[in-house]
């Protein structure tokens, strides 16, 4: 096998990729902040916060880990509710 040198991407492609990443980050943080505000304000914070984290998880490891913790906590709550409602 021959080792070919890595081809350089066109500067426009690199710029578009960076712009796409920036848009995802801005939208993700905006939705996350709105969700956090919904903890005190009326609104479905438990739905909006994971959506913001899911968008941010495409770019950041910390958001992926936090989203996993959120999902695990939600599953634990669901399981405890279902287990408590079972007839004896």
N, C-alpha and C. Protein backbone atom coordinates (compact mmCIF):
# COMPACT_ATOMS: atom_id res chain seq x y z
N UNK A 1 0.83 -1.19 0.00
CA UNK A 1 0.00 0.00 0.00
C UNK A 1 0.87 1.24 0.00
N UNK A 2 0.45 2.20 -0.72
CA UNK A 2 1.19 3.45 -0.75
C UNK A 2 0.49 4.46 0.15
N UNK A 3 1.28 5.21 0.82
CA UNK A 3 0.73 6.27 1.66
C UNK A 3 0.60 7.53 0.83
N UNK A 4 -0.62 7.87 0.55
CA UNK A 4 -0.85 9.08 -0.21
C UNK A 4 -0.96 10.26 0.74
N UNK A 5 -0.45 11.39 0.36
CA UNK A 5 -0.61 12.57 1.22
C UNK A 5 -2.08 12.97 1.30
N UNK A 6 -2.43 13.46 2.45
CA UNK A 6 -3.81 13.88 2.66
C UNK A 6 -4.12 15.08 1.77
N UNK A 7 -5.23 14.99 1.07
CA UNK A 7 -5.60 16.11 0.19
C UNK A 7 -6.19 17.23 1.03
N UNK A 8 -5.80 18.42 0.70
CA UNK A 8 -6.32 19.58 1.40
C UNK A 8 -7.72 19.89 0.89
N UNK A 9 -8.60 20.23 1.84
CA UNK A 9 -9.95 20.61 1.44
C UNK A 9 -9.93 22.05 0.93
N UNK A 10 -10.87 22.30 0.09
CA UNK A 10 -11.04 23.66 -0.43
C UNK A 10 -11.42 24.58 0.74
N UNK A 11 -10.88 25.78 0.80
CA UNK A 11 -11.20 26.68 1.91
C UNK A 11 -12.70 26.96 2.07
N UNK A 12 -13.44 26.96 0.99
CA UNK A 12 -14.88 27.20 1.07
C UNK A 12 -15.57 26.06 1.80
N UNK A 13 -15.15 24.82 1.57
CA UNK A 13 -15.74 23.67 2.25
C UNK A 13 -15.45 23.74 3.74
N UNK A 14 -14.21 24.09 4.09
CA UNK A 14 -13.84 24.22 5.49
C UNK A 14 -14.68 25.30 6.16
N UNK A 15 -14.86 26.42 5.48
CA UNK A 15 -15.64 27.53 6.04
C UNK A 15 -17.10 27.12 6.22
N UNK A 16 -17.65 26.39 5.27
CA UNK A 16 -19.04 25.95 5.38
C UNK A 16 -19.21 24.96 6.54
N UNK A 17 -18.23 24.08 6.73
CA UNK A 17 -18.29 23.13 7.85
C UNK A 17 -18.23 23.87 9.18
N UNK A 18 -17.38 24.88 9.26
CA UNK A 18 -17.29 25.66 10.49
C UNK A 18 -18.57 26.44 10.73
N UNK A 19 -19.17 26.98 9.68
CA UNK A 19 -20.42 27.72 9.82
C UNK A 19 -21.54 26.79 10.29
N UNK A 20 -21.59 25.59 9.73
CA UNK A 20 -22.59 24.60 10.13
C UNK A 20 -22.43 24.24 11.60
N UNK A 21 -21.19 24.04 12.03
CA UNK A 21 -20.93 23.72 13.43
C UNK A 21 -21.34 24.87 14.33
N UNK A 22 -21.02 26.09 13.93
CA UNK A 22 -21.39 27.26 14.73
C UNK A 22 -22.91 27.39 14.85
N UNK A 23 -23.62 27.14 13.76
CA UNK A 23 -25.09 27.22 13.80
C UNK A 23 -25.65 26.17 14.75
N UNK A 24 -25.12 24.93 14.70
CA UNK A 24 -25.58 23.88 15.62
C UNK A 24 -25.33 24.26 17.07
N UNK A 25 -24.17 24.82 17.35
CA UNK A 25 -23.83 25.19 18.72
C UNK A 25 -24.74 26.31 19.21
N UNK A 26 -24.97 27.32 18.38
CA UNK A 26 -25.83 28.44 18.79
C UNK A 26 -27.26 27.97 19.02
N UNK A 27 -27.79 27.16 18.12
CA UNK A 27 -29.16 26.65 18.27
C UNK A 27 -29.25 25.75 19.50
N UNK A 28 -28.27 24.88 19.68
CA UNK A 28 -28.29 23.97 20.83
C UNK A 28 -28.26 24.72 22.15
N UNK A 29 -27.36 25.71 22.29
CA UNK A 29 -27.29 26.47 23.53
C UNK A 29 -28.55 27.31 23.74
N UNK A 30 -29.11 27.85 22.66
CA UNK A 30 -30.34 28.64 22.78
C UNK A 30 -31.48 27.77 23.31
N UNK A 31 -31.66 26.60 22.75
CA UNK A 31 -32.72 25.70 23.20
C UNK A 31 -32.46 25.24 24.63
N UNK A 32 -31.21 24.96 24.96
CA UNK A 32 -30.87 24.54 26.32
C UNK A 32 -31.18 25.65 27.32
N UNK A 33 -30.83 26.88 27.00
CA UNK A 33 -31.11 28.01 27.91
C UNK A 33 -32.61 28.23 28.06
N UNK A 34 -33.34 28.10 26.98
CA UNK A 34 -34.81 28.22 27.06
C UNK A 34 -35.37 27.12 27.95
N UNK A 35 -34.86 25.91 27.81
CA UNK A 35 -35.31 24.80 28.65
C UNK A 35 -35.00 25.03 30.12
N UNK A 36 -33.82 25.55 30.40
CA UNK A 36 -33.46 25.85 31.79
C UNK A 36 -34.38 26.94 32.35
N UNK A 37 -34.71 27.93 31.52
CA UNK A 37 -35.63 28.97 31.96
C UNK A 37 -37.02 28.40 32.24
N UNK A 38 -37.38 27.36 31.51
CA UNK A 38 -38.70 26.74 31.70
C UNK A 38 -38.81 25.98 33.01
N UNK A 39 -37.70 25.77 33.68
CA UNK A 39 -37.78 25.16 35.01
C UNK A 39 -38.56 26.08 35.93
N UNK A 40 -38.32 27.38 35.82
CA UNK A 40 -39.02 28.36 36.66
C UNK A 40 -40.27 28.91 35.96
N UNK A 41 -40.25 28.97 34.66
CA UNK A 41 -41.38 29.49 33.89
C UNK A 41 -42.27 28.34 33.43
N UNK A 42 -43.49 28.63 33.03
CA UNK A 42 -44.34 27.55 32.53
C UNK A 42 -43.82 27.02 31.19
N UNK A 43 -43.78 25.71 31.09
CA UNK A 43 -43.33 25.11 29.84
C UNK A 43 -42.76 23.73 30.09
N UNK A 44 -42.61 22.97 29.04
CA UNK A 44 -42.14 21.58 29.16
C UNK A 44 -40.60 21.49 29.22
N UNK A 45 -40.02 21.88 30.33
CA UNK A 45 -38.56 21.88 30.48
C UNK A 45 -37.98 20.49 30.31
N UNK A 46 -38.70 19.47 30.77
CA UNK A 46 -38.18 18.10 30.68
C UNK A 46 -38.14 17.59 29.24
N UNK A 47 -38.78 18.29 28.33
CA UNK A 47 -38.71 17.93 26.92
C UNK A 47 -37.68 18.80 26.19
N UNK A 48 -37.67 20.08 26.53
CA UNK A 48 -36.83 21.04 25.81
C UNK A 48 -35.34 20.86 26.15
N UNK A 49 -35.02 20.61 27.41
CA UNK A 49 -33.62 20.46 27.82
C UNK A 49 -32.95 19.29 27.09
N UNK A 50 -33.56 18.10 27.03
CA UNK A 50 -32.91 17.02 26.27
C UNK A 50 -32.77 17.32 24.78
N UNK A 51 -33.68 18.08 24.22
CA UNK A 51 -33.55 18.44 22.80
C UNK A 51 -32.31 19.30 22.59
N UNK A 52 -32.13 20.29 23.46
CA UNK A 52 -30.93 21.13 23.38
C UNK A 52 -29.67 20.32 23.58
N UNK A 53 -29.70 19.41 24.56
CA UNK A 53 -28.52 18.56 24.80
C UNK A 53 -28.24 17.64 23.62
N UNK A 54 -29.30 17.14 22.98
CA UNK A 54 -29.11 16.25 21.83
C UNK A 54 -28.44 16.99 20.67
N UNK A 55 -28.81 18.24 20.47
CA UNK A 55 -28.18 19.03 19.41
C UNK A 55 -26.71 19.28 19.76
N UNK A 56 -26.45 19.64 21.02
CA UNK A 56 -25.08 19.91 21.44
C UNK A 56 -24.24 18.63 21.48
N UNK A 57 -24.88 17.48 21.70
CA UNK A 57 -24.15 16.21 21.76
C UNK A 57 -23.53 15.83 20.42
N UNK A 58 -24.01 16.42 19.34
CA UNK A 58 -23.39 16.16 18.05
C UNK A 58 -22.02 16.81 17.93
N UNK A 59 -21.73 17.78 18.81
CA UNK A 59 -20.47 18.50 18.76
C UNK A 59 -19.61 18.36 20.01
N UNK A 60 -20.23 18.09 21.16
CA UNK A 60 -19.50 18.10 22.42
C UNK A 60 -19.69 16.80 23.19
N UNK A 61 -18.59 16.26 23.72
CA UNK A 61 -18.64 15.04 24.52
C UNK A 61 -19.38 15.28 25.83
N UNK A 62 -19.17 16.44 26.47
CA UNK A 62 -19.82 16.71 27.75
C UNK A 62 -21.33 16.71 27.61
N UNK A 63 -21.83 17.20 26.48
CA UNK A 63 -23.28 17.21 26.27
C UNK A 63 -23.80 15.79 26.06
N UNK A 64 -23.01 14.96 25.39
CA UNK A 64 -23.41 13.56 25.18
C UNK A 64 -23.50 12.82 26.51
N UNK A 65 -22.51 13.07 27.40
CA UNK A 65 -22.52 12.43 28.72
C UNK A 65 -23.68 12.93 29.57
N UNK A 66 -23.95 14.23 29.52
CA UNK A 66 -25.06 14.80 30.29
C UNK A 66 -26.40 14.29 29.77
N UNK A 67 -26.53 14.15 28.46
CA UNK A 67 -27.76 13.61 27.88
C UNK A 67 -27.97 12.17 28.31
N UNK A 68 -26.88 11.39 28.36
CA UNK A 68 -26.99 10.00 28.82
C UNK A 68 -27.44 9.95 30.28
N UNK A 69 -26.89 10.82 31.12
CA UNK A 69 -27.32 10.87 32.53
C UNK A 69 -28.79 11.24 32.64
N UNK A 70 -29.22 12.18 31.81
CA UNK A 70 -30.62 12.60 31.81
C UNK A 70 -31.52 11.43 31.41
N UNK A 71 -31.13 10.70 30.36
CA UNK A 71 -31.92 9.54 29.90
C UNK A 71 -31.94 8.45 30.96
N UNK A 72 -30.78 8.18 31.58
CA UNK A 72 -30.73 7.15 32.62
C UNK A 72 -31.62 7.52 33.80
N UNK A 73 -31.59 8.78 34.20
CA UNK A 73 -32.45 9.24 35.30
C UNK A 73 -33.92 9.12 34.95
N UNK A 74 -34.27 9.47 33.72
CA UNK A 74 -35.66 9.35 33.29
C UNK A 74 -36.10 7.89 33.28
N UNK A 75 -35.22 6.99 32.82
CA UNK A 75 -35.55 5.57 32.82
C UNK A 75 -35.70 5.03 34.24
N UNK A 76 -34.86 5.49 35.17
CA UNK A 76 -34.98 5.06 36.57
C UNK A 76 -36.30 5.51 37.16
N UNK A 77 -36.70 6.75 36.88
CA UNK A 77 -37.98 7.25 37.37
C UNK A 77 -39.12 6.45 36.78
N UNK A 78 -39.06 6.19 35.47
CA UNK A 78 -40.11 5.41 34.80
C UNK A 78 -40.20 4.01 35.41
N UNK A 79 -39.06 3.37 35.61
CA UNK A 79 -39.07 2.01 36.16
C UNK A 79 -39.60 1.98 37.59
N UNK A 80 -39.25 2.98 38.39
CA UNK A 80 -39.74 3.00 39.77
C UNK A 80 -41.24 3.26 39.80
N UNK A 81 -41.76 4.05 38.89
CA UNK A 81 -43.21 4.28 38.84
C UNK A 81 -43.92 3.00 38.41
N UNK A 82 -43.40 2.34 37.39
CA UNK A 82 -44.04 1.11 36.90
C UNK A 82 -43.96 0.00 37.94
N UNK A 83 -42.85 -0.09 38.68
CA UNK A 83 -42.72 -1.13 39.69
C UNK A 83 -43.61 -0.88 40.89
N UNK A 84 -43.85 0.38 41.22
CA UNK A 84 -44.70 0.71 42.37
C UNK A 84 -46.19 0.51 42.06
N UNK A 85 -46.55 0.51 40.81
CA UNK A 85 -47.96 0.36 40.42
C UNK A 85 -48.37 -1.09 40.19
N UNK A 86 -47.42 -2.04 40.32
CA UNK A 86 -47.76 -3.44 40.11
C UNK A 86 -48.58 -3.96 41.28
N UNK A 87 -49.60 -4.77 40.99
CA UNK A 87 -50.38 -5.34 42.10
C UNK A 87 -49.56 -6.40 42.83
N UNK A 88 -49.79 -6.51 44.14
CA UNK A 88 -49.05 -7.47 44.97
C UNK A 88 -49.60 -8.85 44.84
